[in-house]
C-alpha atoms as a PDB file:
ATOM      1  CA  MET A   1     298.965  58.445 265.572  1.00  0.00           C
ATOM      2  CA  PRO A   2     300.856  56.434 262.911  1.00  0.00           C
ATOM      3  CA  MET A   3     299.149  55.676 259.552  1.00  0.00           C
ATOM      4  CA  SER A   4     297.560  52.159 259.193  1.00  0.00           C
ATOM      5  CA  ASN A   5     299.114  49.869 256.541  1.00  0.00           C
ATOM      6  CA  HIS A   6     296.131  50.498 254.280  1.00  0.00           C
ATOM      7  CA  ASP A   7     296.355  54.266 254.668  1.00  0.00           C
ATOM      8  CA  SER A   8     300.133  54.218 253.987  1.00  0.00           C
ATOM      9  CA  ASP A   9     299.572  52.085 250.879  1.00  0.00           C
ATOM     10  CA  MET A  10     296.853  54.374 249.598  1.00  0.00           C
ATOM     11  CA  SER A  11     298.994  57.410 250.278  1.00  0.00           C
ATOM     12  CA  ILE A  12     301.849  55.957 248.165  1.00  0.00           C
ATOM     13  CA  VAL A  13     299.378  54.996 245.365  1.00  0.00           C
ATOM     14  CA  ALA A  14     297.997  58.578 245.377  1.00  0.00           C
ATOM     15  CA  GLN A  15     301.472  59.993 245.129  1.00  0.00           C
ATOM     16  CA  LEU A  16     302.374  57.655 242.257  1.00  0.00           C
ATOM     17  CA  ARG A  17     299.251  58.695 240.368  1.00  0.00           C
ATOM     18  CA  SER A  18     300.075  62.268 240.741  1.00  0.00           C
ATOM     19  CA  ILE A  19     303.653  61.855 239.710  1.00  0.00           C
ATOM     20  CA  ASN A  20     302.595  59.690 236.793  1.00  0.00           C
ATOM     21  CA  ARG A  21     300.343  62.410 235.440  1.00  0.00           C
ATOM     22  CA  GLU A  22     303.051  65.050 235.790  1.00  0.00           C
ATOM     23  CA  THR A  23     305.975  63.051 234.402  1.00  0.00           C
ATOM     24  CA  GLY A  24     305.130  63.652 230.729  1.00  0.00           C
ATOM     25  CA  MET A  25     304.840  67.377 231.285  1.00  0.00           C
ATOM     26  CA  PHE A  26     308.099  67.429 233.185  1.00  0.00           C
ATOM     27  CA  VAL A  27     310.079  65.501 230.512  1.00  0.00           C
ATOM     28  CA  SER A  28     308.520  67.597 227.695  1.00  0.00           C
ATOM     29  CA  GLY A  29     309.413  70.729 229.575  1.00  0.00           C
ATOM     30  CA  VAL A  30     313.002  69.627 230.114  1.00  0.00           C
ATOM     31  CA  LEU A  31     313.402  68.636 226.429  1.00  0.00           C
ATOM     32  CA  TYR A  32     311.962  71.798 225.081  1.00  0.00           C
ATOM     33  CA  ASP A  33     313.358  74.033 227.812  1.00  0.00           C
ATOM     34  CA  THR A  34     309.896  75.286 228.744  1.00  0.00           C
ATOM     35  CA  ILE A  35     309.777  74.267 232.378  1.00  0.00           C
ATOM     36  CA  THR A  36     310.643  76.782 235.057  1.00  0.00           C
ATOM     37  CA  GLU A  37     313.250  76.149 237.703  1.00  0.00           C
ATOM     38  CA  SER A  38     310.644  76.302 240.419  1.00  0.00           C
ATOM     39  CA  ASP A  39     308.472  73.615 238.583  1.00  0.00           C
ATOM     40  CA  GLN A  40     311.572  71.418 238.263  1.00  0.00           C
ATOM     41  CA  ILE A  41     312.176  71.800 241.966  1.00  0.00           C
ATOM     42  CA  ARG A  42     308.563  71.096 242.794  1.00  0.00           C
ATOM     43  CA  PHE A  43     308.572  67.886 240.681  1.00  0.00           C
ATOM     44  CA  ALA A  44     311.876  66.757 242.303  1.00  0.00           C
ATOM     45  CA  THR A  45     310.428  67.353 245.718  1.00  0.00           C
ATOM     46  CA  LYS A  46     307.460  65.200 244.903  1.00  0.00           C
ATOM     47  CA  LEU A  47     309.761  62.387 243.853  1.00  0.00           C
ATOM     48  CA  ALA A  48     311.776  62.769 247.023  1.00  0.00           C
ATOM     49  CA  ASP A  49     308.524  62.758 249.156  1.00  0.00           C
ATOM     50  CA  LEU A  50     307.455  59.588 247.411  1.00  0.00           C
ATOM     51  CA  ALA A  51     310.849  57.951 247.930  1.00  0.00           C
ATOM     52  CA  LEU A  52     310.652  58.855 251.646  1.00  0.00           C
ATOM     53  CA  ALA A  53     307.067  57.430 252.002  1.00  0.00           C
ATOM     54  CA  ILE A  54     308.235  54.173 250.379  1.00  0.00           C
ATOM     55  CA  LYS A  55     311.399  54.031 252.624  1.00  0.00           C
ATOM     56  CA  ASN A  56     309.275  54.587 255.736  1.00  0.00           C
ATOM     57  CA  ARG A  57     306.846  51.915 254.731  1.00  0.00           C
ATOM     58  CA  VAL A  58     309.516  49.333 254.143  1.00  0.00           C
ATOM     59  CA  GLU A  59     311.460  50.315 257.358  1.00  0.00           C
ATOM     60  CA  SER A  60     308.290  50.220 259.461  1.00  0.00           C
ATOM     61  CA  GLY A  61     308.623  46.416 259.574  1.00  0.00           C
ATOM     62  CA  THR A  62     304.856  45.997 259.151  1.00  0.00           C
ATOM     63  CA  HIS A  63     305.047  45.232 255.420  1.00  0.00           C
ATOM     64  CA  ASN A  64     306.625  42.237 253.939  1.00  0.00           C
ATOM     65  CA  LEU A  65     307.755  43.331 250.426  1.00  0.00           C
ATOM     66  CA  VAL A  66     307.869  40.540 247.906  1.00  0.00           C
ATOM     67  CA  LEU A  67     308.490  41.253 244.326  1.00  0.00           C
ATOM     68  CA  GLU A  68     308.062  38.621 241.665  1.00  0.00           C
ATOM     69  CA  GLY A  69     308.146  38.665 237.919  1.00  0.00           C
ATOM     70  CA  THR A  70     310.354  39.973 235.242  1.00  0.00           C
ATOM     71  CA  VAL A  71     311.321  43.432 234.237  1.00  0.00           C
ATOM     72  CA  SER A  72     311.201  44.379 230.570  1.00  0.00           C
ATOM     73  CA  ASP A  73     313.467  46.892 229.110  1.00  0.00           C
ATOM     74  CA  ASP A  74     314.647  47.979 225.737  1.00  0.00           C
ATOM     75  CA  GLY A  75     317.914  46.052 225.866  1.00  0.00           C
ATOM     76  CA  LEU A  76     319.872  48.596 227.725  1.00  0.00           C
ATOM     77  CA  ALA A  77     320.237  46.569 230.901  1.00  0.00           C
ATOM     78  CA  ALA A  78     323.752  45.837 232.035  1.00  0.00           C
ATOM     79  CA  SER A  79     323.045  42.146 232.376  1.00  0.00           C
ATOM     80  CA  ASP A  80     319.977  40.223 231.197  1.00  0.00           C
ATOM     81  CA  ASP A  81     320.848  37.011 233.050  1.00  0.00           C
ATOM     82  CA  VAL A  82     320.573  38.163 236.655  1.00  0.00           C
ATOM     83  CA  PRO A  83     317.678  36.285 238.311  1.00  0.00           C
ATOM     84  CA  PRO A  84     315.169  38.494 240.253  1.00  0.00           C
ATOM     85  CA  SER A  85     316.115  36.882 243.515  1.00  0.00           C
ATOM     86  CA  ALA A  86     319.735  37.914 243.154  1.00  0.00           C
ATOM     87  CA  SER A  87     319.027  41.495 244.209  1.00  0.00           C
END
């Protein structure tokens, strides 16, 4: 039985929370060369699983995805004058 919209959304939120908690440890491990290869693969797999969940959610056609607002960065963007609707 397919997941309901709410269950799908909550699954994605749970995955984001988990990845958010682990990102700092991952980056630190890479910078200081203290993370094992298996931990790197495990983290990358979690990112791929999250990307697949989001892709499936969007492709299901049951969600209308509307993004509004601005994206802040540290000035490294290729172009700052592209409106959000241009993508």
